[in-house]
PDB file of N, CA and C in Angstrom:
ATOM      1  N   MET A   1     147.537  -3.435 105.808  1.00  0.00           N
ATOM      2  CA  MET A   1     147.117  -3.237 107.321  1.00  0.00           C
ATOM      3  C   MET A   1     146.405  -2.405 108.275  1.00  0.00           C
ATOM      4  N   GLU A   2     145.947  -1.516 107.546  1.00  0.00           N
ATOM      5  CA  GLU A   2     144.686  -0.236 107.846  1.00  0.00           C
ATOM      6  C   GLU A   2     142.907  -1.248 107.690  1.00  0.00           C
ATOM      7  N   ILE A   3     142.841  -1.964 106.449  1.00  0.00           N
ATOM      8  CA  ILE A   3     141.759  -3.171 106.262  1.00  0.00           C
ATOM      9  C   ILE A   3     142.121  -3.610 107.651  1.00  0.00           C
ATOM     10  N   ARG A   4     143.060  -4.836 107.839  1.00  0.00           N
ATOM     11  CA  ARG A   4     143.675  -6.183 108.717  1.00  0.00           C
ATOM     12  C   ARG A   4     143.237  -5.439 109.912  1.00  0.00           C
ATOM     13  N   SER A   5     143.215  -4.360 110.222  1.00  0.00           N
ATOM     14  CA  SER A   5     142.349  -4.109 111.479  1.00  0.00           C
ATOM     15  C   SER A   5     141.681  -3.425 112.062  1.00  0.00           C
ATOM     16  N   ASP A   6     140.692  -3.172 110.924  1.00  0.00           N
ATOM     17  CA  ASP A   6     139.655  -2.552 111.573  1.00  0.00           C
ATOM     18  C   ASP A   6     137.794  -3.575 111.621  1.00  0.00           C
ATOM     19  N   PRO A   7     137.610  -3.262 112.606  1.00  0.00           N
ATOM     20  CA  PRO A   7     136.526  -4.652 112.482  1.00  0.00           C
ATOM     21  C   PRO A   7     135.741  -4.469 111.854  1.00  0.00           C
ATOM     22  N   LYS A   8     135.413  -3.308 111.372  1.00  0.00           N
ATOM     23  CA  LYS A   8     133.986  -3.563 110.353  1.00  0.00           C
ATOM     24  C   LYS A   8     135.188  -4.346 109.351  1.00  0.00           C
ATOM     25  N   PHE A   9     135.386  -4.422 108.743  1.00  0.00           N
ATOM     26  CA  PHE A   9     136.225  -5.999 107.539  1.00  0.00           C
ATOM     27  C   PHE A   9     135.365  -6.409 108.178  1.00  0.00           C
ATOM     28  N   HIS A  10     136.435  -6.919 109.666  1.00  0.00           N
ATOM     29  CA  HIS A  10     136.046  -8.581 110.239  1.00  0.00           C
ATOM     30  C   HIS A  10     134.017  -9.053 110.164  1.00  0.00           C
ATOM     31  N   ASP A  11     133.500  -8.048 110.494  1.00  0.00           N
ATOM     32  CA  ASP A  11     132.165  -7.863 110.292  1.00  0.00           C
ATOM     33  C   ASP A  11     131.586  -8.393 109.255  1.00  0.00           C
ATOM     34  N   TRP A  12     131.981  -8.153 107.793  1.00  0.00           N
ATOM     35  CA  TRP A  12     132.184  -7.886 106.606  1.00  0.00           C
ATOM     36  C   TRP A  12     132.366  -8.877 106.263  1.00  0.00           C
ATOM     37  N   ALA A  13     133.171  -9.607 106.881  1.00  0.00           N
ATOM     38  CA  ALA A  13     134.216 -10.798 106.186  1.00  0.00           C
ATOM     39  C   ALA A  13     133.168 -11.972 107.069  1.00  0.00           C
ATOM     40  N   SER A  14     132.161 -11.722 108.205  1.00  0.00           N
ATOM     41  CA  SER A  14     131.786 -13.107 109.060  1.00  0.00           C
ATOM     42  C   SER A  14     130.409 -13.159 107.552  1.00  0.00           C
ATOM     43  N   GLN A  15     129.906 -12.338 107.278  1.00  0.00           N
ATOM     44  CA  GLN A  15     128.734 -11.572 106.056  1.00  0.00           C
ATOM     45  C   GLN A  15     129.026 -12.741 104.489  1.00  0.00           C
ATOM     46  N   GLN A  16     129.913 -13.067 103.940  1.00  0.00           N
ATOM     47  CA  GLN A  16     130.140 -13.434 103.009  1.00  0.00           C
ATOM     48  C   GLN A  16     130.480 -14.431 102.381  1.00  0.00           C
ATOM     49  N   PRO A  17     130.299 -15.056 101.228  1.00  0.00           N
ATOM     50  CA  PRO A  17     130.123 -16.263 101.510  1.00  0.00           C
ATOM     51  C   PRO A  17     131.523 -17.421 101.805  1.00  0.00           C
ATOM     52  N   GLY A  18     131.434 -18.033 101.787  1.00  0.00           N
ATOM     53  CA  GLY A  18     132.591 -19.648 102.795  1.00  0.00           C
ATOM     54  C   GLY A  18     133.532 -19.053 101.516  1.00  0.00           C
ATOM     55  N   TYR A  19     134.038 -19.348 100.591  1.00  0.00           N
ATOM     56  CA  TYR A  19     134.711 -18.733  99.198  1.00  0.00           C
ATOM     57  C   TYR A  19     135.589 -17.944  99.528  1.00  0.00           C
ATOM     58  N   ILE A  20     134.903 -16.593 100.306  1.00  0.00           N
ATOM     59  CA  ILE A  20     135.905 -15.355 100.248  1.00  0.00           C
ATOM     60  C   ILE A  20     136.013 -15.710 101.468  1.00  0.00           C
ATOM     61  N   ARG A  21     135.183 -15.395 102.554  1.00  0.00           N
ATOM     62  CA  ARG A  21     136.429 -15.619 103.397  1.00  0.00           C
ATOM     63  C   ARG A  21     137.393 -16.626 103.450  1.00  0.00           C
ATOM     64  N   ASP A  22     137.414 -18.029 103.254  1.00  0.00           N
ATOM     65  CA  ASP A  22     138.158 -18.597 102.543  1.00  0.00           C
ATOM     66  C   ASP A  22     139.519 -17.807 101.934  1.00  0.00           C
ATOM     67  N   ALA A  23     139.200 -17.452 101.111  1.00  0.00           N
ATOM     68  CA  ALA A  23     140.139 -16.524 100.326  1.00  0.00           C
ATOM     69  C   ALA A  23     140.883 -15.554 100.905  1.00  0.00           C
ATOM     70  N   LEU A  24     140.546 -15.053 102.510  1.00  0.00           N
ATOM     71  CA  LEU A  24     140.915 -13.994 103.448  1.00  0.00           C
ATOM     72  C   LEU A  24     141.261 -14.873 104.427  1.00  0.00           C
ATOM     73  N   TYR A  25     140.974 -16.052 105.197  1.00  0.00           N
ATOM     74  CA  TYR A  25     141.783 -16.890 106.380  1.00  0.00           C
ATOM     75  C   TYR A  25     141.824 -17.805 106.446  1.00  0.00           C
ATOM     76  N   LYS A  26     141.639 -18.439 105.208  1.00  0.00           N
ATOM     77  CA  LYS A  26     142.269 -20.091 104.863  1.00  0.00           C
ATOM     78  C   LYS A  26     142.875 -20.096 103.811  1.00  0.00           C
ATOM     79  N   ASN A  27     143.658 -19.278 103.208  1.00  0.00           N
ATOM     80  CA  ASN A  27     143.871 -19.064 102.331  1.00  0.00           C
ATOM     81  C   ASN A  27     145.476 -18.627 101.996  1.00  0.00           C
ATOM     82  N   THR A  28     146.534 -19.136 101.631  1.00  0.00           N
ATOM     83  CA  THR A  28     148.180 -19.625 102.267  1.00  0.00           C
ATOM     84  C   THR A  28     149.137 -19.758 100.852  1.00  0.00           C
ATOM     85  N   SER A  29     148.371 -19.521  99.807  1.00  0.00           N
ATOM     86  CA  SER A  29     149.124 -20.023  98.244  1.00  0.00           C
ATOM     87  C   SER A  29     148.511 -19.235  97.121  1.00  0.00           C
ATOM     88  N   ASP A  30     147.572 -18.469  97.286  1.00  0.00           N
ATOM     89  CA  ASP A  30     147.039 -18.007  96.769  1.00  0.00           C
ATOM     90  C   ASP A  30     146.449 -15.893  96.832  1.00  0.00           C
ATOM     91  N   PRO A  31     147.572 -15.518  96.611  1.00  0.00           N
ATOM     92  CA  PRO A  31     147.218 -13.705  97.305  1.00  0.00           C
ATOM     93  C   PRO A  31     147.172 -12.646  96.323  1.00  0.00           C
ATOM     94  N   PHE A  32     146.617 -13.442  95.000  1.00  0.00           N
ATOM     95  CA  PHE A  32     145.265 -12.607  94.297  1.00  0.00           C
ATOM     96  C   PHE A  32     143.695 -12.896  94.481  1.00  0.00           C
ATOM     97  N   ALA A  33     143.364 -14.321  94.976  1.00  0.00           N
ATOM     98  CA  ALA A  33     142.440 -14.245  95.346  1.00  0.00           C
ATOM     99  C   ALA A  33     142.122 -13.858  96.991  1.00  0.00           C
ATOM    100  N   ALA A  34     142.614 -13.293  97.876  1.00  0.00           N
ATOM    101  CA  ALA A  34     142.852 -12.458  98.706  1.00  0.00           C
ATOM    102  C   ALA A  34     142.786 -10.721  98.465  1.00  0.00           C
ATOM    103  N   ALA A  35     143.743 -10.385  97.377  1.00  0.00           N
ATOM    104  CA  ALA A  35     143.589  -9.358  97.266  1.00  0.00           C
ATOM    105  C   ALA A  35     142.096  -8.684  96.546  1.00  0.00           C
ATOM    106  N   ARG A  36     141.129  -9.768  95.444  1.00  0.00           N
ATOM    107  CA  ARG A  36     140.187  -9.631  94.864  1.00  0.00           C
ATOM    108  C   ARG A  36     139.230  -9.315  96.385  1.00  0.00           C
ATOM    109  N   ALA A  37     139.541  -9.854  97.038  1.00  0.00           N
ATOM    110  CA  ALA A  37     138.105 -10.010  98.112  1.00  0.00           C
ATOM    111  C   ALA A  37     138.500  -8.713  99.187  1.00  0.00           C
ATOM    112  N   ILE A  38     139.159  -8.575  98.996  1.00  0.00           N
ATOM    113  CA  ILE A  38     139.653  -6.672  99.142  1.00  0.00           C
ATOM    114  C   ILE A  38     138.738  -6.001  98.701  1.00  0.00           C
ATOM    115  N   ASP A  39     139.004  -5.940  97.788  1.00  0.00           N
ATOM    116  CA  ASP A  39     138.634  -4.936  95.952  1.00  0.00           C
ATOM    117  C   ASP A  39     136.928  -5.834  96.723  1.00  0.00           C
ATOM    118  N   LEU A  40     136.327  -6.201  96.665  1.00  0.00           N
ATOM    119  CA  LEU A  40     135.197  -6.764  97.568  1.00  0.00           C
ATOM    120  C   LEU A  40     134.503  -5.642  98.265  1.00  0.00           C
ATOM    121  N   TYR A  41     135.691  -6.464  99.628  1.00  0.00           N
ATOM    122  CA  TYR A  41     135.181  -5.423 100.442  1.00  0.00           C
ATOM    123  C   TYR A  41     134.838  -3.381 100.259  1.00  0.00           C
ATOM    124  N   LYS A  42     136.381  -3.020  99.763  1.00  0.00           N
ATOM    125  CA  LYS A  42     135.958  -1.556  99.408  1.00  0.00           C
ATOM    126  C   LYS A  42     135.704  -1.297  98.761  1.00  0.00           C
ATOM    127  N   ALA A  43     134.216  -2.280  97.730  1.00  0.00           N
ATOM    128  CA  ALA A  43     134.063  -1.803  96.233  1.00  0.00           C
ATOM    129  C   ALA A  43     132.045  -1.790  97.269  1.00  0.00           C
ATOM    130  N   ASP A  44     131.988  -2.580  98.195  1.00  0.00           N
ATOM    131  CA  ASP A  44     131.060  -2.349  98.981  1.00  0.00           C
ATOM    132  C   ASP A  44     131.102  -1.636 100.106  1.00  0.00           C
ATOM    133  N   ILE A  45     131.428  -1.834 100.522  1.00  0.00           N
ATOM    134  CA  ILE A  45     132.109   0.144 101.603  1.00  0.00           C
ATOM    135  C   ILE A  45     131.905   1.083 100.429  1.00  0.00           C
ATOM    136  N   GLY A  46     131.831   1.052  99.364  1.00  0.00           N
ATOM    137  CA  GLY A  46     132.348   2.702  98.592  1.00  0.00           C
ATOM    138  C   GLY A  46     133.862   3.364  98.703  1.00  0.00           C
ATOM    139  N   LYS A  47     134.119   2.533  99.143  1.00  0.00           N
ATOM    140  CA  LYS A  47     136.251   2.811  99.728  1.00  0.00           C
ATOM    141  C   LYS A  47     136.634   3.056  97.625  1.00  0.00           C
ATOM    142  N   LYS A  48     136.813   4.608  97.632  1.00  0.00           N
ATOM    143  CA  LYS A  48     137.902   4.770  96.210  1.00  0.00           C
ATOM    144  C   LYS A  48     139.100   4.309  96.593  1.00  0.00           C
ATOM    145  N   THR A  49     140.069   3.891  95.633  1.00  0.00           N
ATOM    146  CA  THR A  49     140.743   4.033  96.215  1.00  0.00           C
ATOM    147  C   THR A  49     141.768   4.999  94.613  1.00  0.00           C
ATOM    148  N   THR A  50     143.075   4.869  96.045  1.00  0.00           N
ATOM    149  CA  THR A  50     143.572   6.028  94.673  1.00  0.00           C
ATOM    150  C   THR A  50     144.389   5.710  94.434  1.00  0.00           C
ATOM    151  N   THR A  51     146.089   4.915  94.742  1.00  0.00           N
ATOM    152  CA  THR A  51     146.649   4.164  93.718  1.00  0.00           C
ATOM    153  C   THR A  51     145.807   3.463  93.234  1.00  0.00           C
ATOM    154  N   GLN A  52     146.700   2.037  93.988  1.00  0.00           N
ATOM    155  CA  GLN A  52     146.543   0.506  92.886  1.00  0.00           C
ATOM    156  C   GLN A  52     145.814   0.322  94.191  1.00  0.00           C
ATOM    157  N   SER A  53     144.433  -0.718  93.352  1.00  0.00           N
ATOM    158  CA  SER A  53     143.662  -1.961  93.961  1.00  0.00           C
ATOM    159  C   SER A  53     144.446  -2.711  95.160  1.00  0.00           C
ATOM    160  N   ALA A  54     144.188  -3.617  95.525  1.00  0.00           N
ATOM    161  CA  ALA A  54     144.868  -4.732  96.050  1.00  0.00           C
ATOM    162  C   ALA A  54     144.927  -5.852  95.240  1.00  0.00           C
ATOM    163  N   ALA A  55     144.564  -5.721  94.353  1.00  0.00           N
ATOM    164  CA  ALA A  55     144.063  -6.871  93.226  1.00  0.00           C
ATOM    165  C   ALA A  55     145.438  -6.677  92.239  1.00  0.00           C
ATOM    166  N   SER A  56     145.585  -5.111  91.665  1.00  0.00           N
ATOM    167  CA  SER A  56     146.526  -4.798  90.827  1.00  0.00           C
ATOM    168  C   SER A  56     147.665  -4.990  91.366  1.00  0.00           C
ATOM    169  N   SER A  57     148.355  -4.602  92.639  1.00  0.00           N
ATOM    170  CA  SER A  57     149.508  -5.270  93.094  1.00  0.00           C
ATOM    171  C   SER A  57     150.140  -6.259  92.934  1.00  0.00           C
ATOM    172  N   VAL A  58     149.390  -7.480  92.761  1.00  0.00           N
ATOM    173  CA  VAL A  58     149.909  -8.472  92.876  1.00  0.00           C
ATOM    174  C   VAL A  58     150.565  -8.609  91.462  1.00  0.00           C
ATOM    175  N   GLY A  59     149.813  -7.719  90.111  1.00  0.00           N
ATOM    176  CA  GLY A  59     151.357  -7.991  89.293  1.00  0.00           C
ATOM    177  C   GLY A  59     151.043  -9.223  88.162  1.00  0.00           C
ATOM    178  N   ARG A  60     150.113  -9.455  88.350  1.00  0.00           N
ATOM    179  CA  ARG A  60     149.938 -10.552  86.834  1.00  0.00           C
ATOM    180  C   ARG A  60     150.134  -9.731  85.696  1.00  0.00           C
ATOM    181  N   SER A  61     150.952 -11.025  84.609  1.00  0.00           N
ATOM    182  CA  SER A  61     150.889 -10.018  83.257  1.00  0.00           C
ATOM    183  C   SER A  61     150.667 -10.642  82.673  1.00  0.00           C
ATOM    184  N   SER A  62     149.663 -10.312  81.112  1.00  0.00           N
ATOM    185  CA  SER A  62     149.241 -10.934  80.512  1.00  0.00           C
ATOM    186  C   SER A  62     148.550  -9.222  78.840  1.00  0.00           C
ATOM    187  N   SER A  63     148.803 -10.447  77.811  1.00  0.00           N
ATOM    188  CA  SER A  63     147.388  -9.907  76.736  1.00  0.00           C
ATOM    189  C   SER A  63     146.270  -9.593  76.793  1.00  0.00           C
ATOM    190  N   SER A  64     145.712 -10.738  77.710  1.00  0.00           N
ATOM    191  CA  SER A  64     144.061 -10.003  77.300  1.00  0.00           C
ATOM    192  C   SER A  64     143.502  -8.733  77.795  1.00  0.00           C
ATOM    193  N   ALA A  65     142.797  -8.409  77.336  1.00  0.00           N
ATOM    194  CA  ALA A  65     141.944  -6.891  78.071  1.00  0.00           C
ATOM    195  C   ALA A  65     140.874  -7.315  77.664  1.00  0.00           C
ATOM    196  N   ALA A  66     139.752  -6.778  78.067  1.00  0.00           N
ATOM    197  CA  ALA A  66     138.149  -6.663  78.802  1.00  0.00           C
ATOM    198  C   ALA A  66     138.413  -5.299  78.526  1.00  0.00           C
ATOM    199  N   PRO A  67     136.662  -5.666  78.327  1.00  0.00           N
ATOM    200  CA  PRO A  67     136.316  -3.915  77.791  1.00  0.00           C
ATOM    201  C   PRO A  67     135.625  -3.254  78.799  1.00  0.00           C
ATOM    202  N   SER A  68     136.364  -2.106  78.698  1.00  0.00           N
ATOM    203  CA  SER A  68     136.027  -1.013  80.065  1.00  0.00           C
ATOM    204  C   SER A  68     135.020   0.220  80.064  1.00  0.00           C
ATOM    205  N   SER A  69     134.415  -0.115  79.181  1.00  0.00           N
ATOM    206  CA  SER A  69     132.788   0.388  79.108  1.00  0.00           C
ATOM    207  C   SER A  69     131.729  -0.673  79.066  1.00  0.00           C
ATOM    208  N   GLY A  70     129.908  -0.204  78.716  1.00  0.00           N
ATOM    209  CA  GLY A  70     129.426  -1.774  79.376  1.00  0.00           C
ATOM    210  C   GLY A  70     129.034  -2.154  80.396  1.00  0.00           C
ATOM    211  N   ARG A  71     128.010  -2.822  80.001  1.00  0.00           N
ATOM    212  CA  ARG A  71     128.446  -3.718  80.745  1.00  0.00           C
ATOM    213  C   ARG A  71     128.818  -5.278  81.115  1.00  0.00           C
ATOM    214  N   ALA A  72     130.458  -5.153  81.206  1.00  0.00           N
ATOM    215  CA  ALA A  72     130.912  -5.748  80.341  1.00  0.00           C
ATOM    216  C   ALA A  72     130.496  -6.974  81.809  1.00  0.00           C
ATOM    217  N   LYS A  73     131.238  -8.420  81.421  1.00  0.00           N
ATOM    218  CA  LYS A  73     130.846  -9.381  82.358  1.00  0.00           C
ATOM    219  C   LYS A  73     132.437 -10.169  82.647  1.00  0.00           C
ATOM    220  N   PHE A  74     132.587 -10.185  83.543  1.00  0.00           N
ATOM    221  CA  PHE A  74     133.901 -11.045  84.017  1.00  0.00           C
ATOM    222  C   PHE A  74     134.079 -12.038  84.803  1.00  0.00           C
ATOM    223  N   SER A  75     134.935 -12.913  84.435  1.00  0.00           N
ATOM    224  CA  SER A  75     135.566 -13.760  85.636  1.00  0.00           C
ATOM    225  C   SER A  75     136.793 -13.799  86.309  1.00  0.00           C
ATOM    226  N   GLU A  76     136.711 -14.607  87.855  1.00  0.00           N
ATOM    227  CA  GLU A  76     138.785 -14.809  87.830  1.00  0.00           C
ATOM    228  C   GLU A  76     139.314 -14.525  87.228  1.00  0.00           C
ATOM    229  N   SER A  77     139.370 -15.605  86.632  1.00  0.00           N
ATOM    230  CA  SER A  77     140.609 -16.425  85.610  1.00  0.00           C
ATOM    231  C   SER A  77     141.075 -15.238  84.603  1.00  0.00           C
ATOM    232  N   GLN A  78     139.851 -14.565  84.056  1.00  0.00           N
ATOM    233  CA  GLN A  78     140.096 -13.293  82.345  1.00  0.00           C
ATOM    234  C   GLN A  78     141.004 -12.433  83.675  1.00  0.00           C
ATOM    235  N   VAL A  79     139.945 -12.377  84.653  1.00  0.00           N
ATOM    236  CA  VAL A  79     141.132 -10.564  85.784  1.00  0.00           C
ATOM    237  C   VAL A  79     142.139 -11.187  86.120  1.00  0.00           C
ATOM    238  N   SER A  80     143.237 -12.846  86.322  1.00  0.00           N
ATOM    239  CA  SER A  80     144.325 -13.033  87.073  1.00  0.00           C
ATOM    240  C   SER A  80     144.955 -13.032  85.889  1.00  0.00           C
ATOM    241  N   ARG A  81     144.862 -12.864  84.644  1.00  0.00           N
ATOM    242  CA  ARG A  81     145.599 -12.813  83.150  1.00  0.00           C
ATOM    243  C   ARG A  81     145.720 -11.538  83.112  1.00  0.00           C
ATOM    244  N   MET A  82     144.831 -10.456  83.488  1.00  0.00           N
ATOM    245  CA  MET A  82     145.034  -8.573  83.288  1.00  0.00           C
ATOM    246  C   MET A  82     146.844  -8.593  83.702  1.00  0.00           C
ATOM    247  N   SER A  83     147.990  -7.315  82.880  1.00  0.00           N
ATOM    248  CA  SER A  83     148.632  -7.122  83.451  1.00  0.00           C
ATOM    249  C   SER A  83     147.768  -5.626  84.827  1.00  0.00           C
ATOM    250  N   SER A  84     148.434  -5.780  85.283  1.00  0.00           N
ATOM    251  CA  SER A  84     148.331  -4.693  86.413  1.00  0.00           C
ATOM    252  C   SER A  84     147.405  -3.113  85.414  1.00  0.00           C
ATOM    253  N   ALA A  85     148.504  -2.979  84.653  1.00  0.00           N
ATOM    254  CA  ALA A  85     148.106  -1.392  83.537  1.00  0.00           C
ATOM    255  C   ALA A  85     146.156  -1.696  83.201  1.00  0.00           C
ATOM    256  N   GLU A  86     145.705  -3.428  82.903  1.00  0.00           N
ATOM    257  CA  GLU A  86     145.182  -3.574  82.657  1.00  0.00           C
ATOM    258  C   GLU A  86     143.367  -3.486  82.919  1.00  0.00           C
ATOM    259  N   TYR A  87     144.029  -3.798  84.892  1.00  0.00           N
ATOM    260  CA  TYR A  87     143.659  -4.388  85.596  1.00  0.00           C
ATOM    261  C   TYR A  87     143.061  -2.933  86.023  1.00  0.00           C
ATOM    262  N   GLU A  88     143.813  -1.530  85.619  1.00  0.00           N
ATOM    263  CA  GLU A  88     143.790  -0.737  86.345  1.00  0.00           C
ATOM    264  C   GLU A  88     142.497   0.164  85.893  1.00  0.00           C
ATOM    265  N   LYS A  89     142.703  -0.569  83.995  1.00  0.00           N
ATOM    266  CA  LYS A  89     141.737   0.324  82.725  1.00  0.00           C
ATOM    267  C   LYS A  89     140.693  -0.727  83.608  1.00  0.00           C
ATOM    268  N   ASN A  90     140.175  -1.259  83.942  1.00  0.00           N
ATOM    269  CA  ASN A  90     139.189  -2.186  83.820  1.00  0.00           C
ATOM    270  C   ASN A  90     138.241  -1.690  85.304  1.00  0.00           C
ATOM    271  N   GLU A  91     139.309  -1.564  86.067  1.00  0.00           N
ATOM    272  CA  GLU A  91     138.943  -1.948  87.592  1.00  0.00           C
ATOM    273  C   GLU A  91     137.227  -1.706  87.632  1.00  0.00           C
ATOM    274  N   THR A  92     137.227  -0.561  87.723  1.00  0.00           N
ATOM    275  CA  THR A  92     135.722   0.153  87.298  1.00  0.00           C
ATOM    276  C   THR A  92     134.559  -0.431  87.043  1.00  0.00           C
ATOM    277  N   ALA A  93     134.116  -1.581  86.133  1.00  0.00           N
ATOM    278  CA  ALA A  93     133.691  -2.083  85.493  1.00  0.00           C
ATOM    279  C   ALA A  93     133.838  -3.451  85.492  1.00  0.00           C
ATOM    280  N   ILE A  94     134.711  -3.944  86.900  1.00  0.00           N
ATOM    281  CA  ILE A  94     135.584  -5.833  87.179  1.00  0.00           C
ATOM    282  C   ILE A  94     134.415  -4.834  88.086  1.00  0.00           C
ATOM    283  N   LEU A  95     134.580  -4.128  89.339  1.00  0.00           N
ATOM    284  CA  LEU A  95     133.949  -3.934  90.652  1.00  0.00           C
ATOM    285  C   LEU A  95     132.529  -3.952  90.422  1.00  0.00           C
ATOM    286  N   ASP A  96     132.150  -3.321  89.255  1.00  0.00           N
ATOM    287  CA  ASP A  96     130.527  -2.871  89.436  1.00  0.00           C
ATOM    288  C   ASP A  96     129.731  -4.624  88.930  1.00  0.00           C
ATOM    289  N   ALA A  97     130.422  -5.253  87.517  1.00  0.00           N
ATOM    290  CA  ALA A  97     129.836  -6.110  87.932  1.00  0.00           C
ATOM    291  C   ALA A  97     129.978  -6.979  89.113  1.00  0.00           C
ATOM    292  N   ILE A  98     131.620  -7.029  90.133  1.00  0.00           N
ATOM    293  CA  ILE A  98     131.355  -8.057  90.889  1.00  0.00           C
ATOM    294  C   ILE A  98     129.664  -7.258  91.756  1.00  0.00           C
ATOM    295  N   LYS A  99     130.092  -6.119  91.189  1.00  0.00           N
ATOM    296  CA  LYS A  99     128.710  -5.299  92.647  1.00  0.00           C
ATOM    297  C   LYS A  99     126.863  -6.097  92.057  1.00  0.00           C
ATOM    298  N   ARG A 100     126.824  -6.221  90.597  1.00  0.00           N
ATOM    299  CA  ARG A 100     125.485  -6.853  89.891  1.00  0.00           C
ATOM    300  C   ARG A 100     125.151  -8.390  89.899  1.00  0.00           C
ATOM    301  N   GLY A 101     126.338  -9.041  90.739  1.00  0.00           N
ATOM    302  CA  GLY A 101     126.345 -10.152  90.619  1.00  0.00           C
ATOM    303  C   GLY A 101     126.924 -11.187  89.005  1.00  0.00           C
ATOM    304  N   ASP A 102     127.865 -10.088  87.944  1.00  0.00           N
ATOM    305  CA  ASP A 102     128.155 -10.551  86.869  1.00  0.00           C
ATOM    306  C   ASP A 102     129.346 -10.598  86.702  1.00  0.00           C
ATOM    307  N   PHE A 103     129.702 -11.568  88.038  1.00  0.00           N
ATOM    308  CA  PHE A 103     131.447 -11.734  88.138  1.00  0.00           C
ATOM    309  C   PHE A 103     131.107 -12.958  88.296  1.00  0.00           C
ATOM    310  N   THR A 104     132.911 -13.324  87.354  1.00  0.00           N
ATOM    311  CA  THR A 104     132.392 -14.920  87.596  1.00  0.00           C
ATOM    312  C   THR A 104     133.284 -15.927  88.357  1.00  0.00           C
ATOM    313  N   TYR A 105     133.061 -16.951  89.247  1.00  0.00           N
ATOM    314  CA  TYR A 105     134.307 -16.789  90.503  1.00  0.00           C
ATOM    315  C   TYR A 105     135.190 -18.402  89.935  1.00  0.00           C
ATOM    316  N   ASP A 106     135.684 -18.235  89.082  1.00  0.00           N
ATOM    317  CA  ASP A 106     135.498 -19.502  88.073  1.00  0.00           C
ATOM    318  C   ASP A 106     137.781 -20.324  89.285  1.00  0.00           C
ATOM    319  N   MET A 107     137.790 -19.530  90.128  1.00  0.00           N
ATOM    320  CA  MET A 107     138.977 -20.002  90.369  1.00  0.00           C
ATOM    321  C   MET A 107     139.134 -20.432  92.175  1.00  0.00           C
ATOM    322  N   THR A 108     137.858 -20.258  92.489  1.00  0.00           N
ATOM    323  CA  THR A 108     137.922 -20.304  94.146  1.00  0.00           C
ATOM    324  C   THR A 108     137.096 -21.389  94.438  1.00  0.00           C
ATOM    325  N   GLY A 109     137.346 -22.090  95.384  1.00  0.00           N
ATOM    326  CA  GLY A 109     135.586 -22.576  96.060  1.00  0.00           C
ATOM    327  C   GLY A 109     135.736 -24.203  95.096  1.00  0.00           C
ATOM    328  N   GLY A 110     135.067 -24.665  94.748  1.00  0.00           N
ATOM    329  CA  GLY A 110     134.645 -26.066  93.625  1.00  0.00           C
ATOM    330  C   GLY A 110     134.957 -26.226  92.938  1.00  0.00           C
ATOM    331  N   ALA A 111     135.705 -24.759  91.623  1.00  0.00           N
ATOM    332  CA  ALA A 111     135.786 -25.028  90.665  1.00  0.00           C
ATOM    333  C   ALA A 111     137.801 -25.269  90.137  1.00  0.00           C
ATOM    334  N   ARG A 112     138.440 -25.370  91.614  1.00  0.00           N
ATOM    335  CA  ARG A 112     139.344 -25.833  91.942  1.00  0.00           C
ATOM    336  C   ARG A 112     139.749 -27.116  92.024  1.00  0.00           C
TER     337      ARG A 112
END
């Protein structure tokens, strides 16, 4: 609710690609996409998460894990299969991959 009421968030969202805006404003069935967009906002503004990230609070479960060090590449589908613990372990690397452009959005937009 804090982010939702912040005008800076809406300014940031208005400057994002359509699929990110859609995940935030038009999305009615994929809370994970909205949570990932919020995580991207937090990464862009440099906000450190003190508890769970928005995406980890969605609570997906899986046995897949991504490397937690180095310059790993990630995809939406890979992250969506992670458990909350796996996401938390890899959160910094995932957000770094998003910043570097090494994150593949394979579940939103035209991929569906």
